[in-house]
PDB file of N, CA and C in Angstrom:
ATOM      1  N   UNK A   1     136.440 -97.713 179.129  1.00  0.00           N
ATOM      2  CA  UNK A   1     135.287 -97.018 179.277  1.00  0.00           C
ATOM      3  C   UNK A   1     135.319 -95.857 178.254  1.00  0.00           C
ATOM      4  N   UNK A   2     134.408 -95.599 177.461  1.00  0.00           N
ATOM      5  CA  UNK A   2     134.485 -94.553 176.429  1.00  0.00           C
ATOM      6  C   UNK A   2     133.904 -93.276 177.220  1.00  0.00           C
ATOM      7  N   UNK A   3     134.499 -92.255 176.461  1.00  0.00           N
ATOM      8  CA  UNK A   3     134.044 -90.877 177.003  1.00  0.00           C
ATOM      9  C   UNK A   3     133.582 -89.923 175.886  1.00  0.00           C
ATOM     10  N   UNK A   4     133.005 -89.011 176.219  1.00  0.00           N
ATOM     11  CA  UNK A   4     132.579 -88.156 175.207  1.00  0.00           C
ATOM     12  C   UNK A   4     132.714 -86.539 175.591  1.00  0.00           C
ATOM     13  N   UNK A   5     133.370 -85.935 174.460  1.00  0.00           N
ATOM     14  CA  UNK A   5     133.350 -84.597 174.409  1.00  0.00           C
ATOM     15  C   UNK A   5     132.069 -83.990 173.793  1.00  0.00           C
ATOM     16  N   UNK A   6     131.462 -83.020 174.620  1.00  0.00           N
ATOM     17  CA  UNK A   6     130.102 -82.392 174.056  1.00  0.00           C
ATOM     18  C   UNK A   6     130.260 -80.909 174.108  1.00  0.00           C
ATOM     19  N   UNK A   7     130.449 -80.370 172.850  1.00  0.00           N
ATOM     20  CA  UNK A   7     130.508 -78.863 172.512  1.00  0.00           C
ATOM     21  C   UNK A   7     129.152 -78.313 172.209  1.00  0.00           C
ATOM     22  N   UNK A   8     128.743 -77.124 172.560  1.00  0.00           N
ATOM     23  CA  UNK A   8     127.871 -76.520 172.190  1.00  0.00           C
ATOM     24  C   UNK A   8     128.317 -75.266 171.603  1.00  0.00           C
ATOM     25  N   UNK A   9     128.531 -74.859 170.064  1.00  0.00           N
ATOM     26  CA  UNK A   9     129.132 -73.696 169.637  1.00  0.00           C
ATOM     27  C   UNK A   9     127.869 -72.878 169.608  1.00  0.00           C
ATOM     28  N   UNK A  10     127.839 -71.933 170.438  1.00  0.00           N
ATOM     29  CA  UNK A  10     126.717 -71.055 170.725  1.00  0.00           C
ATOM     30  C   UNK A  10     126.842 -69.832 169.742  1.00  0.00           C
ATOM     31  N   UNK A  11     127.940 -69.440 169.455  1.00  0.00           N
ATOM     32  CA  UNK A  11     128.136 -68.124 168.488  1.00  0.00           C
ATOM     33  C   UNK A  11     129.449 -68.213 167.755  1.00  0.00           C
ATOM     34  N   UNK A  12     129.084 -68.014 166.540  1.00  0.00           N
ATOM     35  CA  UNK A  12     130.627 -67.924 165.621  1.00  0.00           C
ATOM     36  C   UNK A  12     130.850 -66.574 165.432  1.00  0.00           C
ATOM     37  N   UNK A  13     132.115 -66.217 165.980  1.00  0.00           N
ATOM     38  CA  UNK A  13     132.654 -64.956 165.946  1.00  0.00           C
ATOM     39  C   UNK A  13     133.518 -64.804 164.691  1.00  0.00           C
ATOM     40  N   UNK A  14     134.223 -65.798 164.152  1.00  0.00           N
ATOM     41  CA  UNK A  14     135.111 -65.512 163.114  1.00  0.00           C
ATOM     42  C   UNK A  14     135.009 -66.845 162.342  1.00  0.00           C
ATOM     43  N   UNK A  15     134.215 -66.771 161.365  1.00  0.00           N
ATOM     44  CA  UNK A  15     133.830 -67.894 160.411  1.00  0.00           C
ATOM     45  C   UNK A  15     135.112 -68.568 159.571  1.00  0.00           C
ATOM     46  N   UNK A  16     135.923 -67.603 159.105  1.00  0.00           N
ATOM     47  CA  UNK A  16     137.396 -67.987 158.479  1.00  0.00           C
ATOM     48  C   UNK A  16     138.233 -68.776 159.494  1.00  0.00           C
ATOM     49  N   UNK A  17     138.000 -68.380 160.572  1.00  0.00           N
ATOM     50  CA  UNK A  17     138.873 -69.165 161.595  1.00  0.00           C
ATOM     51  C   UNK A  17     138.476 -70.605 161.849  1.00  0.00           C
ATOM     52  N   UNK A  18     137.095 -70.565 161.985  1.00  0.00           N
ATOM     53  CA  UNK A  18     136.118 -71.941 162.166  1.00  0.00           C
ATOM     54  C   UNK A  18     136.640 -72.748 161.172  1.00  0.00           C
ATOM     55  N   UNK A  19     136.623 -72.304 159.804  1.00  0.00           N
ATOM     56  CA  UNK A  19     136.682 -73.114 158.683  1.00  0.00           C
ATOM     57  C   UNK A  19     138.334 -73.761 158.732  1.00  0.00           C
ATOM     58  N   UNK A  20     139.058 -72.795 158.944  1.00  0.00           N
ATOM     59  CA  UNK A  20     140.487 -73.443 159.217  1.00  0.00           C
ATOM     60  C   UNK A  20     140.592 -74.389 160.273  1.00  0.00           C
ATOM     61  N   UNK A  21     139.981 -74.164 161.379  1.00  0.00           N
ATOM     62  CA  UNK A  21     139.776 -75.234 162.377  1.00  0.00           C
ATOM     63  C   UNK A  21     139.314 -76.527 161.818  1.00  0.00           C
ATOM     64  N   UNK A  22     137.994 -76.331 161.396  1.00  0.00           N
ATOM     65  CA  UNK A  22     137.489 -77.637 160.649  1.00  0.00           C
ATOM     66  C   UNK A  22     138.221 -78.363 159.798  1.00  0.00           C
ATOM     67  N   UNK A  23     139.045 -77.791 159.006  1.00  0.00           N
ATOM     68  CA  UNK A  23     139.867 -78.441 158.003  1.00  0.00           C
ATOM     69  C   UNK A  23     140.969 -79.180 158.593  1.00  0.00           C
ATOM     70  N   UNK A  24     141.484 -78.815 159.902  1.00  0.00           N
ATOM     71  CA  UNK A  24     142.620 -79.508 160.340  1.00  0.00           C
ATOM     72  C   UNK A  24     142.281 -80.304 161.505  1.00  0.00           C
ATOM     73  N   UNK A  25     141.279 -80.318 162.159  1.00  0.00           N
ATOM     74  CA  UNK A  25     141.036 -81.009 163.275  1.00  0.00           C
ATOM     75  C   UNK A  25     140.653 -82.463 163.252  1.00  0.00           C
ATOM     76  N   UNK A  26     140.239 -83.033 162.197  1.00  0.00           N
ATOM     77  CA  UNK A  26     139.802 -84.395 162.208  1.00  0.00           C
ATOM     78  C   UNK A  26     141.204 -85.368 162.305  1.00  0.00           C
ATOM     79  N   UNK A  27     142.091 -85.049 161.688  1.00  0.00           N
ATOM     80  CA  UNK A  27     143.498 -86.060 161.796  1.00  0.00           C
ATOM     81  C   UNK A  27     143.891 -86.107 163.479  1.00  0.00           C
ATOM     82  N   UNK A  28     143.965 -84.991 163.971  1.00  0.00           N
ATOM     83  CA  UNK A  28     144.275 -85.213 165.136  1.00  0.00           C
ATOM     84  C   UNK A  28     143.598 -85.640 166.252  1.00  0.00           C
ATOM     85  N   UNK A  29     142.213 -85.438 166.235  1.00  0.00           N
ATOM     86  CA  UNK A  29     141.200 -86.096 166.884  1.00  0.00           C
ATOM     87  C   UNK A  29     141.336 -87.616 166.681  1.00  0.00           C
ATOM     88  N   UNK A  30     141.550 -88.029 165.328  1.00  0.00           N
ATOM     89  CA  UNK A  30     141.430 -89.609 165.085  1.00  0.00           C
ATOM     90  C   UNK A  30     142.802 -89.964 165.604  1.00  0.00           C
ATOM     91  N   UNK A  31     143.852 -89.404 165.722  1.00  0.00           N
ATOM     92  CA  UNK A  31     145.183 -90.027 166.294  1.00  0.00           C
ATOM     93  C   UNK A  31     145.013 -90.309 167.458  1.00  0.00           C
ATOM     94  N   UNK A  32     144.047 -89.746 168.423  1.00  0.00           N
ATOM     95  CA  UNK A  32     143.679 -89.975 169.729  1.00  0.00           C
ATOM     96  C   UNK A  32     142.604 -91.032 169.899  1.00  0.00           C
ATOM     97  N   UNK A  33     142.092 -91.541 169.023  1.00  0.00           N
ATOM     98  CA  UNK A  33     141.190 -92.373 168.856  1.00  0.00           C
ATOM     99  C   UNK A  33     139.472 -91.937 168.832  1.00  0.00           C
ATOM    100  N   UNK A  34     139.613 -90.353 168.336  1.00  0.00           N
ATOM    101  CA  UNK A  34     138.290 -89.683 168.669  1.00  0.00           C
ATOM    102  C   UNK A  34     137.536 -90.005 167.232  1.00  0.00           C
ATOM    103  N   UNK A  35     136.198 -90.064 167.612  1.00  0.00           N
ATOM    104  CA  UNK A  35     135.276 -90.292 166.541  1.00  0.00           C
ATOM    105  C   UNK A  35     134.053 -89.253 166.660  1.00  0.00           C
ATOM    106  N   UNK A  36     133.800 -88.559 165.609  1.00  0.00           N
ATOM    107  CA  UNK A  36     132.568 -87.479 165.533  1.00  0.00           C
ATOM    108  C   UNK A  36     131.277 -88.334 165.560  1.00  0.00           C
ATOM    109  N   UNK A  37     130.619 -88.092 166.714  1.00  0.00           N
ATOM    110  CA  UNK A  37     129.251 -88.683 166.595  1.00  0.00           C
ATOM    111  C   UNK A  37     127.959 -87.930 166.046  1.00  0.00           C
ATOM    112  N   UNK A  38     128.440 -86.683 166.402  1.00  0.00           N
ATOM    113  CA  UNK A  38     127.332 -85.488 165.787  1.00  0.00           C
ATOM    114  C   UNK A  38     128.048 -84.271 165.457  1.00  0.00           C
ATOM    115  N   UNK A  39     127.492 -83.730 164.488  1.00  0.00           N
ATOM    116  CA  UNK A  39     128.105 -82.246 163.942  1.00  0.00           C
ATOM    117  C   UNK A  39     126.828 -81.402 163.765  1.00  0.00           C
ATOM    118  N   UNK A  40     126.545 -80.685 164.463  1.00  0.00           N
ATOM    119  CA  UNK A  40     125.159 -79.996 164.246  1.00  0.00           C
ATOM    120  C   UNK A  40     123.955 -80.788 164.144  1.00  0.00           C
ATOM    121  N   UNK A  41     123.235 -80.700 163.250  1.00  0.00           N
ATOM    122  CA  UNK A  41     122.074 -81.253 162.889  1.00  0.00           C
ATOM    123  C   UNK A  41     120.679 -80.517 163.664  1.00  0.00           C
ATOM    124  N   UNK A  42     119.645 -81.308 163.565  1.00  0.00           N
ATOM    125  CA  UNK A  42     118.280 -80.840 163.986  1.00  0.00           C
ATOM    126  C   UNK A  42     118.512 -81.206 165.517  1.00  0.00           C
ATOM    127  N   UNK A  43     117.912 -80.305 166.325  1.00  0.00           N
ATOM    128  CA  UNK A  43     117.745 -80.559 167.786  1.00  0.00           C
ATOM    129  C   UNK A  43     116.441 -80.492 168.082  1.00  0.00           C
ATOM    130  N   UNK A  44     115.768 -81.483 168.847  1.00  0.00           N
ATOM    131  CA  UNK A  44     114.548 -81.595 169.484  1.00  0.00           C
ATOM    132  C   UNK A  44     114.495 -81.216 170.851  1.00  0.00           C
ATOM    133  N   UNK A  45     114.333 -80.151 171.561  1.00  0.00           N
ATOM    134  CA  UNK A  45     114.430 -80.150 172.924  1.00  0.00           C
ATOM    135  C   UNK A  45     113.218 -80.947 173.355  1.00  0.00           C
ATOM    136  N   UNK A  46     113.288 -81.900 174.383  1.00  0.00           N
ATOM    137  CA  UNK A  46     112.186 -82.527 174.712  1.00  0.00           C
ATOM    138  C   UNK A  46     112.008 -82.205 176.325  1.00  0.00           C
ATOM    139  N   UNK A  47     112.931 -81.769 176.934  1.00  0.00           N
ATOM    140  CA  UNK A  47     112.634 -81.262 178.346  1.00  0.00           C
ATOM    141  C   UNK A  47     113.787 -80.118 178.760  1.00  0.00           C
ATOM    142  N   UNK A  48     113.106 -79.517 179.836  1.00  0.00           N
ATOM    143  CA  UNK A  48     113.840 -78.439 180.293  1.00  0.00           C
ATOM    144  C   UNK A  48     114.152 -77.225 179.439  1.00  0.00           C
ATOM    145  N   UNK A  49     115.094 -76.419 179.813  1.00  0.00           N
ATOM    146  CA  UNK A  49     115.314 -74.947 178.928  1.00  0.00           C
ATOM    147  C   UNK A  49     116.514 -75.013 178.077  1.00  0.00           C
ATOM    148  N   UNK A  50     117.419 -75.901 178.203  1.00  0.00           N
ATOM    149  CA  UNK A  50     118.545 -76.071 177.380  1.00  0.00           C
ATOM    150  C   UNK A  50     118.200 -75.825 176.024  1.00  0.00           C
ATOM    151  N   UNK A  51     118.874 -74.889 175.183  1.00  0.00           N
ATOM    152  CA  UNK A  51     118.606 -74.883 173.869  1.00  0.00           C
ATOM    153  C   UNK A  51     119.857 -74.725 173.091  1.00  0.00           C
ATOM    154  N   UNK A  52     120.507 -75.676 172.839  1.00  0.00           N
ATOM    155  CA  UNK A  52     121.980 -75.806 172.288  1.00  0.00           C
ATOM    156  C   UNK A  52     121.730 -75.172 170.706  1.00  0.00           C
ATOM    157  N   UNK A  53     122.706 -74.540 170.269  1.00  0.00           N
ATOM    158  CA  UNK A  53     122.845 -74.132 169.258  1.00  0.00           C
ATOM    159  C   UNK A  53     123.452 -75.029 167.974  1.00  0.00           C
ATOM    160  N   UNK A  54     124.578 -75.474 168.161  1.00  0.00           N
ATOM    161  CA  UNK A  54     125.208 -76.497 167.272  1.00  0.00           C
ATOM    162  C   UNK A  54     126.099 -77.267 168.014  1.00  0.00           C
ATOM    163  N   UNK A  55     125.645 -78.398 168.312  1.00  0.00           N
ATOM    164  CA  UNK A  55     126.302 -79.561 169.119  1.00  0.00           C
ATOM    165  C   UNK A  55     127.283 -80.437 168.250  1.00  0.00           C
ATOM    166  N   UNK A  56     128.493 -80.478 168.747  1.00  0.00           N
ATOM    167  CA  UNK A  56     129.510 -81.489 168.400  1.00  0.00           C
ATOM    168  C   UNK A  56     129.742 -82.532 169.599  1.00  0.00           C
ATOM    169  N   UNK A  57     129.467 -83.754 169.143  1.00  0.00           N
ATOM    170  CA  UNK A  57     129.902 -84.686 170.023  1.00  0.00           C
ATOM    171  C   UNK A  57     131.113 -85.572 169.524  1.00  0.00           C
ATOM    172  N   UNK A  58     132.085 -85.771 170.136  1.00  0.00           N
ATOM    173  CA  UNK A  58     133.236 -86.590 169.855  1.00  0.00           C
ATOM    174  C   UNK A  58     133.088 -87.655 170.951  1.00  0.00           C
ATOM    175  N   UNK A  59     133.244 -88.876 170.478  1.00  0.00           N
ATOM    176  CA  UNK A  59     133.654 -90.171 171.419  1.00  0.00           C
ATOM    177  C   UNK A  59     134.982 -90.524 171.404  1.00  0.00           C
ATOM    178  N   UNK A  60     135.613 -90.780 172.388  1.00  0.00           N
ATOM    179  CA  UNK A  60     137.189 -91.366 172.548  1.00  0.00           C
ATOM    180  C   UNK A  60     136.875 -92.643 173.234  1.00  0.00           C
ATOM    181  N   UNK A  61     137.947 -93.462 173.090  1.00  0.00           N
ATOM    182  CA  UNK A  61     138.018 -94.994 173.678  1.00  0.00           C
ATOM    183  C   UNK A  61     138.036 -94.849 175.159  1.00  0.00           C
ATOM    184  N   UNK A  62     138.596 -94.034 175.686  1.00  0.00           N
ATOM    185  CA  UNK A  62     138.732 -93.725 177.019  1.00  0.00           C
ATOM    186  C   UNK A  62     138.820 -92.313 177.659  1.00  0.00           C
ATOM    187  N   UNK A  63     138.610 -91.952 178.847  1.00  0.00           N
ATOM    188  CA  UNK A  63     138.670 -90.804 179.632  1.00  0.00           C
ATOM    189  C   UNK A  63     140.033 -90.072 179.331  1.00  0.00           C
ATOM    190  N   UNK A  64     141.190 -91.059 179.520  1.00  0.00           N
ATOM    191  CA  UNK A  64     142.311 -90.743 179.395  1.00  0.00           C
ATOM    192  C   UNK A  64     142.622 -90.217 178.071  1.00  0.00           C
ATOM    193  N   UNK A  65     142.458 -91.007 177.152  1.00  0.00           N
ATOM    194  CA  UNK A  65     142.370 -90.546 175.759  1.00  0.00           C
ATOM    195  C   UNK A  65     141.928 -89.191 175.345  1.00  0.00           C
ATOM    196  N   UNK A  66     140.458 -88.983 175.861  1.00  0.00           N
ATOM    197  CA  UNK A  66     139.967 -87.657 175.500  1.00  0.00           C
ATOM    198  C   UNK A  66     140.610 -86.549 176.265  1.00  0.00           C
ATOM    199  N   UNK A  67     141.201 -86.589 177.395  1.00  0.00           N
ATOM    200  CA  UNK A  67     141.920 -85.708 178.142  1.00  0.00           C
ATOM    201  C   UNK A  67     143.253 -85.566 177.524  1.00  0.00           C
ATOM    202  N   UNK A  68     144.028 -86.509 176.849  1.00  0.00           N
ATOM    203  CA  UNK A  68     144.980 -86.402 176.369  1.00  0.00           C
ATOM    204  C   UNK A  68     144.972 -85.396 175.054  1.00  0.00           C
ATOM    205  N   UNK A  69     143.921 -85.642 174.218  1.00  0.00           N
ATOM    206  CA  UNK A  69     143.730 -85.052 172.982  1.00  0.00           C
ATOM    207  C   UNK A  69     143.472 -83.619 173.413  1.00  0.00           C
ATOM    208  N   UNK A  70     142.614 -83.198 174.398  1.00  0.00           N
ATOM    209  CA  UNK A  70     142.456 -81.879 174.714  1.00  0.00           C
ATOM    210  C   UNK A  70     143.678 -81.276 175.291  1.00  0.00           C
ATOM    211  N   UNK A  71     144.552 -81.726 175.862  1.00  0.00           N
ATOM    212  CA  UNK A  71     145.581 -81.231 176.441  1.00  0.00           C
ATOM    213  C   UNK A  71     146.936 -81.362 175.582  1.00  0.00           C
ATOM    214  N   UNK A  72     146.737 -81.873 174.494  1.00  0.00           N
ATOM    215  CA  UNK A  72     147.823 -82.132 173.509  1.00  0.00           C
ATOM    216  C   UNK A  72     148.504 -81.018 172.884  1.00  0.00           C
ATOM    217  N   UNK A  73     149.842 -81.110 172.690  1.00  0.00           N
ATOM    218  CA  UNK A  73     150.668 -80.139 171.683  1.00  0.00           C
ATOM    219  C   UNK A  73     149.975 -80.017 170.521  1.00  0.00           C
ATOM    220  N   UNK A  74     149.651 -81.265 169.993  1.00  0.00           N
ATOM    221  CA  UNK A  74     149.172 -81.193 168.375  1.00  0.00           C
ATOM    222  C   UNK A  74     147.805 -80.373 168.342  1.00  0.00           C
ATOM    223  N   UNK A  75     146.990 -80.552 169.427  1.00  0.00           N
ATOM    224  CA  UNK A  75     145.725 -79.742 169.312  1.00  0.00           C
ATOM    225  C   UNK A  75     145.729 -78.411 170.078  1.00  0.00           C
ATOM    226  N   UNK A  76     146.837 -78.002 170.672  1.00  0.00           N
ATOM    227  CA  UNK A  76     146.910 -76.678 171.129  1.00  0.00           C
ATOM    228  C   UNK A  76     146.768 -75.392 170.474  1.00  0.00           C
ATOM    229  N   UNK A  77     147.601 -75.441 169.182  1.00  0.00           N
ATOM    230  CA  UNK A  77     147.067 -74.323 168.231  1.00  0.00           C
ATOM    231  C   UNK A  77     145.659 -74.300 167.697  1.00  0.00           C
ATOM    232  N   UNK A  78     145.245 -75.385 167.250  1.00  0.00           N
ATOM    233  CA  UNK A  78     143.666 -75.662 166.818  1.00  0.00           C
ATOM    234  C   UNK A  78     142.770 -75.252 168.006  1.00  0.00           C
ATOM    235  N   UNK A  79     142.975 -75.429 169.198  1.00  0.00           N
ATOM    236  CA  UNK A  79     142.037 -75.192 170.374  1.00  0.00           C
ATOM    237  C   UNK A  79     141.882 -73.546 170.424  1.00  0.00           C
ATOM    238  N   UNK A  80     143.200 -73.070 170.195  1.00  0.00           N
ATOM    239  CA  UNK A  80     143.311 -71.621 170.219  1.00  0.00           C
ATOM    240  C   UNK A  80     142.507 -70.964 169.111  1.00  0.00           C
ATOM    241  N   UNK A  81     142.837 -71.620 168.233  1.00  0.00           N
ATOM    242  CA  UNK A  81     141.852 -71.217 166.963  1.00  0.00           C
ATOM    243  C   UNK A  81     140.343 -71.286 166.852  1.00  0.00           C
ATOM    244  N   UNK A  82     139.948 -72.512 167.713  1.00  0.00           N
ATOM    245  CA  UNK A  82     138.509 -72.425 168.081  1.00  0.00           C
ATOM    246  C   UNK A  82     138.098 -71.757 169.120  1.00  0.00           C
ATOM    247  N   UNK A  83     138.900 -71.300 169.833  1.00  0.00           N
ATOM    248  CA  UNK A  83     138.328 -70.294 171.061  1.00  0.00           C
ATOM    249  C   UNK A  83     138.229 -68.993 170.332  1.00  0.00           C
ATOM    250  N   UNK A  84     139.067 -68.729 169.382  1.00  0.00           N
ATOM    251  CA  UNK A  84     138.912 -67.279 168.850  1.00  0.00           C
ATOM    252  C   UNK A  84     137.708 -67.360 167.799  1.00  0.00           C
ATOM    253  N   UNK A  85     137.425 -68.424 167.136  1.00  0.00           N
ATOM    254  CA  UNK A  85     136.402 -68.585 166.184  1.00  0.00           C
ATOM    255  C   UNK A  85     134.966 -68.679 166.535  1.00  0.00           C
ATOM    256  N   UNK A  86     134.693 -69.336 168.019  1.00  0.00           N
ATOM    257  CA  UNK A  86     133.454 -69.629 168.358  1.00  0.00           C
ATOM    258  C   UNK A  86     133.302 -69.401 169.958  1.00  0.00           C
ATOM    259  N   UNK A  87     132.106 -69.037 170.501  1.00  0.00           N
ATOM    260  CA  UNK A  87     131.937 -68.764 171.923  1.00  0.00           C
ATOM    261  C   UNK A  87     131.081 -70.161 171.989  1.00  0.00           C
ATOM    262  N   UNK A  88     131.575 -70.984 173.078  1.00  0.00           N
ATOM    263  CA  UNK A  88     130.973 -72.303 173.216  1.00  0.00           C
ATOM    264  C   UNK A  88     130.906 -72.856 174.568  1.00  0.00           C
ATOM    265  N   UNK A  89     130.310 -73.613 174.776  1.00  0.00           N
ATOM    266  CA  UNK A  89     130.229 -74.418 176.283  1.00  0.00           C
ATOM    267  C   UNK A  89     130.771 -75.772 175.774  1.00  0.00           C
ATOM    268  N   UNK A  90     131.483 -76.410 176.792  1.00  0.00           N
ATOM    269  CA  UNK A  90     131.964 -77.959 176.530  1.00  0.00           C
ATOM    270  C   UNK A  90     132.104 -78.517 177.725  1.00  0.00           C
ATOM    271  N   UNK A  91     131.793 -79.960 177.674  1.00  0.00           N
ATOM    272  CA  UNK A  91     131.662 -80.876 178.974  1.00  0.00           C
ATOM    273  C   UNK A  91     132.389 -82.204 178.400  1.00  0.00           C
ATOM    274  N   UNK A  92     133.087 -82.785 179.325  1.00  0.00           N
ATOM    275  CA  UNK A  92     133.719 -84.155 179.052  1.00  0.00           C
ATOM    276  C   UNK A  92     132.850 -85.168 180.039  1.00  0.00           C
ATOM    277  N   UNK A  93     132.146 -86.056 179.475  1.00  0.00           N
ATOM    278  CA  UNK A  93     131.481 -86.982 180.114  1.00  0.00           C
ATOM    279  C   UNK A  93     131.903 -88.476 179.967  1.00  0.00           C
ATOM    280  N   UNK A  94     132.068 -89.282 180.985  1.00  0.00           N
ATOM    281  CA  UNK A  94     132.477 -90.735 180.972  1.00  0.00           C
ATOM    282  C   UNK A  94     131.497 -91.439 180.694  1.00  0.00           C
ATOM    283  N   UNK A  95     131.558 -92.505 179.647  1.00  0.00           N
ATOM    284  CA  UNK A  95     130.448 -93.168 179.219  1.00  0.00           C
ATOM    285  C   UNK A  95     130.515 -94.537 180.169  1.00  0.00           C
ATOM    286  N   UNK A  96     129.585 -95.363 179.750  1.00  0.00           N
ATOM    287  CA  UNK A  96     129.269 -96.666 180.485  1.00  0.00           C
ATOM    288  C   UNK A  96     130.123 -97.934 180.062  1.00  0.00           C
ATOM    289  N   UNK A  97     130.640 -98.782 180.773  1.00  0.00           N
ATOM    290  CA  UNK A  97     131.337 -99.866 180.524  1.00  0.00           C
ATOM    291  C   UNK A  97     130.674-100.801 179.738  1.00  0.00           C
ATOM    292  N   UNK A  98     129.342-100.897 180.028  1.00  0.00           N
ATOM    293  CA  UNK A  98     128.318-101.744 179.223  1.00  0.00           C
ATOM    294  C   UNK A  98     126.899-101.043 179.445  1.00  0.00           C
ATOM    295  N   UNK A  99     126.061-101.406 178.579  1.00  0.00           N
ATOM    296  CA  UNK A  99     124.602-101.124 178.676  1.00  0.00           C
ATOM    297  C   UNK A  99     123.827-101.422 179.891  1.00  0.00           C
ATOM    298  N   UNK A 100     123.092-100.817 180.828  1.00  0.00           N
ATOM    299  CA  UNK A 100     122.469-101.496 181.722  1.00  0.00           C
ATOM    300  C   UNK A 100     121.488-102.600 181.370  1.00  0.00           C
ATOM    301  N   UNK A 101     121.230-103.591 182.073  1.00  0.00           N
ATOM    302  CA  UNK A 101     120.096-104.462 181.686  1.00  0.00           C
ATOM    303  C   UNK A 101     118.664-104.195 182.244  1.00  0.00           C
TER     304      UNK A 101
END
C-alpha cells in the first residue's frame, strides 16, 4: 500500500538553506522509493478554509518506507536544514491498496 507525505511550506525563513536542502534531498528520497508528485504549483481551493502556500507531495511504496525515510540517519541532517529553512505543516497518509469500484 502506498503512502504520501504532504508538506505545506507556509513560510520561507532561510532561502539559502532551502536551496541547499533542495539540491541534496532527491537522491535520499529516491533511495527509499520516494517519488515527488507535486512541487508547488497552482492551488485551486474548492472547499473549506485551508489555504496551502506551497505543497510538496511525496509518494512512497509503503507506509514503512515513508516512515523509514523520515527517521533515517541519511535524511536527519537534511530534515534539520529544512526545519531551519521553512515553517511548514506535514502529514503522512496511507494510500489505498486499489481504487474503489
